[in-house]
Amino acid sequence: MSSAAHNVIIENRKRISMSGVTDVGSFDEETLNIVSADGSITVKGENLQVTKLSLESGELCAEGEIN
């Protein structure tokens, strides 16, 4: 595994912010499949919407009901 820095912040189960994102495998209103330098992360919820995605800076933000 890589030692690249990354963070995951979940605010009140309504918003998620991540750094260190290298790719988004897939996403819909119920699931986000995110790839970081250290592996895959799956976020499940309802009405999920990606509000920011920059693979250049490795940032992702999404909103919705996070389970």
C-alpha atoms as a PDB file:
ATOM      1  CA  MET A   1       0.000   0.000   0.000  1.00  0.00           C
ATOM      2  CA  SER A   2       1.024   3.561  -0.642  1.00  0.00           C
ATOM      3  CA  SER A   3       1.771   6.108   2.049  1.00  0.00           C
ATOM      4  CA  ALA A   4       0.021   8.935   0.165  1.00  0.00           C
ATOM      5  CA  ALA A   5      -1.873  11.280   2.474  1.00  0.00           C
ATOM      6  CA  HIS A   6      -5.649  11.127   2.376  1.00  0.00           C
ATOM      7  CA  ASN A   7      -8.529  12.237   4.582  1.00  0.00           C
ATOM      8  CA  VAL A   8     -12.189  11.308   4.910  1.00  0.00           C
ATOM      9  CA  ILE A   9     -14.550  13.674   6.726  1.00  0.00           C
ATOM     10  CA  ILE A  10     -18.241  12.901   7.220  1.00  0.00           C
ATOM     11  CA  GLU A  11     -20.338  15.779   8.514  1.00  0.00           C
ATOM     12  CA  ASN A  12     -23.629  14.879  10.245  1.00  0.00           C
ATOM     13  CA  ARG A  13     -24.125  11.974   7.814  1.00  0.00           C
ATOM     14  CA  LYS A  14     -25.123  14.567   5.186  1.00  0.00           C
ATOM     15  CA  ARG A  15     -21.799  15.462   3.532  1.00  0.00           C
ATOM     16  CA  ILE A  16     -18.559  13.620   2.828  1.00  0.00           C
ATOM     17  CA  SER A  17     -15.268  15.248   1.840  1.00  0.00           C
ATOM     18  CA  MET A  18     -12.268  13.218   0.745  1.00  0.00           C
ATOM     19  CA  SER A  19      -8.725  13.922  -0.325  1.00  0.00           C
ATOM     20  CA  GLY A  20      -6.302  11.487  -1.949  1.00  0.00           C
ATOM     21  CA  VAL A  21      -8.895  10.328  -4.508  1.00  0.00           C
ATOM     22  CA  THR A  22      -7.319   8.866  -7.646  1.00  0.00           C
ATOM     23  CA  ASP A  23     -10.462   7.654  -9.444  1.00  0.00           C
ATOM     24  CA  VAL A  24     -14.199   7.113  -9.091  1.00  0.00           C
ATOM     25  CA  GLY A  25     -15.102   3.613 -10.203  1.00  0.00           C
ATOM     26  CA  SER A  26     -18.832   4.308 -10.348  1.00  0.00           C
ATOM     27  CA  PHE A  27     -21.535   6.203  -8.553  1.00  0.00           C
ATOM     28  CA  ASP A  28     -25.290   6.507  -8.381  1.00  0.00           C
ATOM     29  CA  GLU A  29     -27.794   7.802  -5.836  1.00  0.00           C
ATOM     30  CA  GLU A  30     -27.129   4.871  -3.472  1.00  0.00           C
ATOM     31  CA  THR A  31     -23.427   3.996  -3.830  1.00  0.00           C
ATOM     32  CA  LEU A  32     -20.111   5.755  -4.457  1.00  0.00           C
ATOM     33  CA  ASN A  33     -17.155   3.518  -5.382  1.00  0.00           C
ATOM     34  CA  ILE A  34     -14.052   5.617  -4.821  1.00  0.00           C
ATOM     35  CA  VAL A  35     -10.405   4.683  -5.400  1.00  0.00           C
ATOM     36  CA  SER A  36      -7.584   6.207  -3.360  1.00  0.00           C
ATOM     37  CA  ALA A  37      -3.868   5.499  -3.463  1.00  0.00           C
ATOM     38  CA  ASP A  38      -4.391   3.128  -0.507  1.00  0.00           C
ATOM     39  CA  GLY A  39      -7.334   1.183  -1.946  1.00  0.00           C
ATOM     40  CA  SER A  40     -11.059   1.327  -2.605  1.00  0.00           C
ATOM     41  CA  ILE A  41     -13.728   2.951  -0.463  1.00  0.00           C
ATOM     42  CA  THR A  42     -17.463   2.321  -0.858  1.00  0.00           C
ATOM     43  CA  VAL A  43     -19.924   4.866   0.522  1.00  0.00           C
ATOM     44  CA  LYS A  44     -23.577   3.843   0.770  1.00  0.00           C
ATOM     45  CA  GLY A  45     -26.584   6.044   1.333  1.00  0.00           C
ATOM     46  CA  GLU A  46     -29.594   7.655  -0.308  1.00  0.00           C
ATOM     47  CA  ASN A  47     -29.887  10.571  -2.725  1.00  0.00           C
ATOM     48  CA  LEU A  48     -26.084  10.789  -3.011  1.00  0.00           C
ATOM     49  CA  GLN A  49     -24.809  13.501  -5.343  1.00  0.00           C
ATOM     50  CA  VAL A  50     -21.181  14.281  -6.157  1.00  0.00           C
ATOM     51  CA  THR A  51     -20.860  18.045  -5.712  1.00  0.00           C
ATOM     52  CA  LYS A  52     -17.124  18.325  -6.370  1.00  0.00           C
ATOM     53  CA  LEU A  53     -14.656  16.048  -8.118  1.00  0.00           C
ATOM     54  CA  SER A  54     -11.108  16.975  -9.044  1.00  0.00           C
ATOM     55  CA  LEU A  55      -8.817  14.077  -9.830  1.00  0.00           C
ATOM     56  CA  GLU A  56      -5.995  16.569 -10.419  1.00  0.00           C
ATOM     57  CA  SER A  57      -6.096  17.671  -6.768  1.00  0.00           C
ATOM     58  CA  GLY A  58      -7.568  14.380  -5.489  1.00  0.00           C
ATOM     59  CA  GLU A  59     -10.644  16.007  -3.946  1.00  0.00           C
ATOM     60  CA  LEU A  60     -14.194  14.682  -3.831  1.00  0.00           C
ATOM     61  CA  CYS A  61     -17.270  16.045  -2.045  1.00  0.00           C
ATOM     62  CA  ALA A  62     -20.699  14.458  -2.014  1.00  0.00           C
ATOM     63  CA  GLU A  63     -23.989  15.187  -0.283  1.00  0.00           C
ATOM     64  CA  GLY A  64     -26.994  13.076   0.623  1.00  0.00           C
ATOM     65  CA  GLU A  65     -28.036  10.710   3.409  1.00  0.00           C
ATOM     66  CA  ILE A  66     -24.889   8.711   4.249  1.00  0.00           C
ATOM     67  CA  ASN A  67     -25.526   5.350   5.944  1.00  0.00           C
END
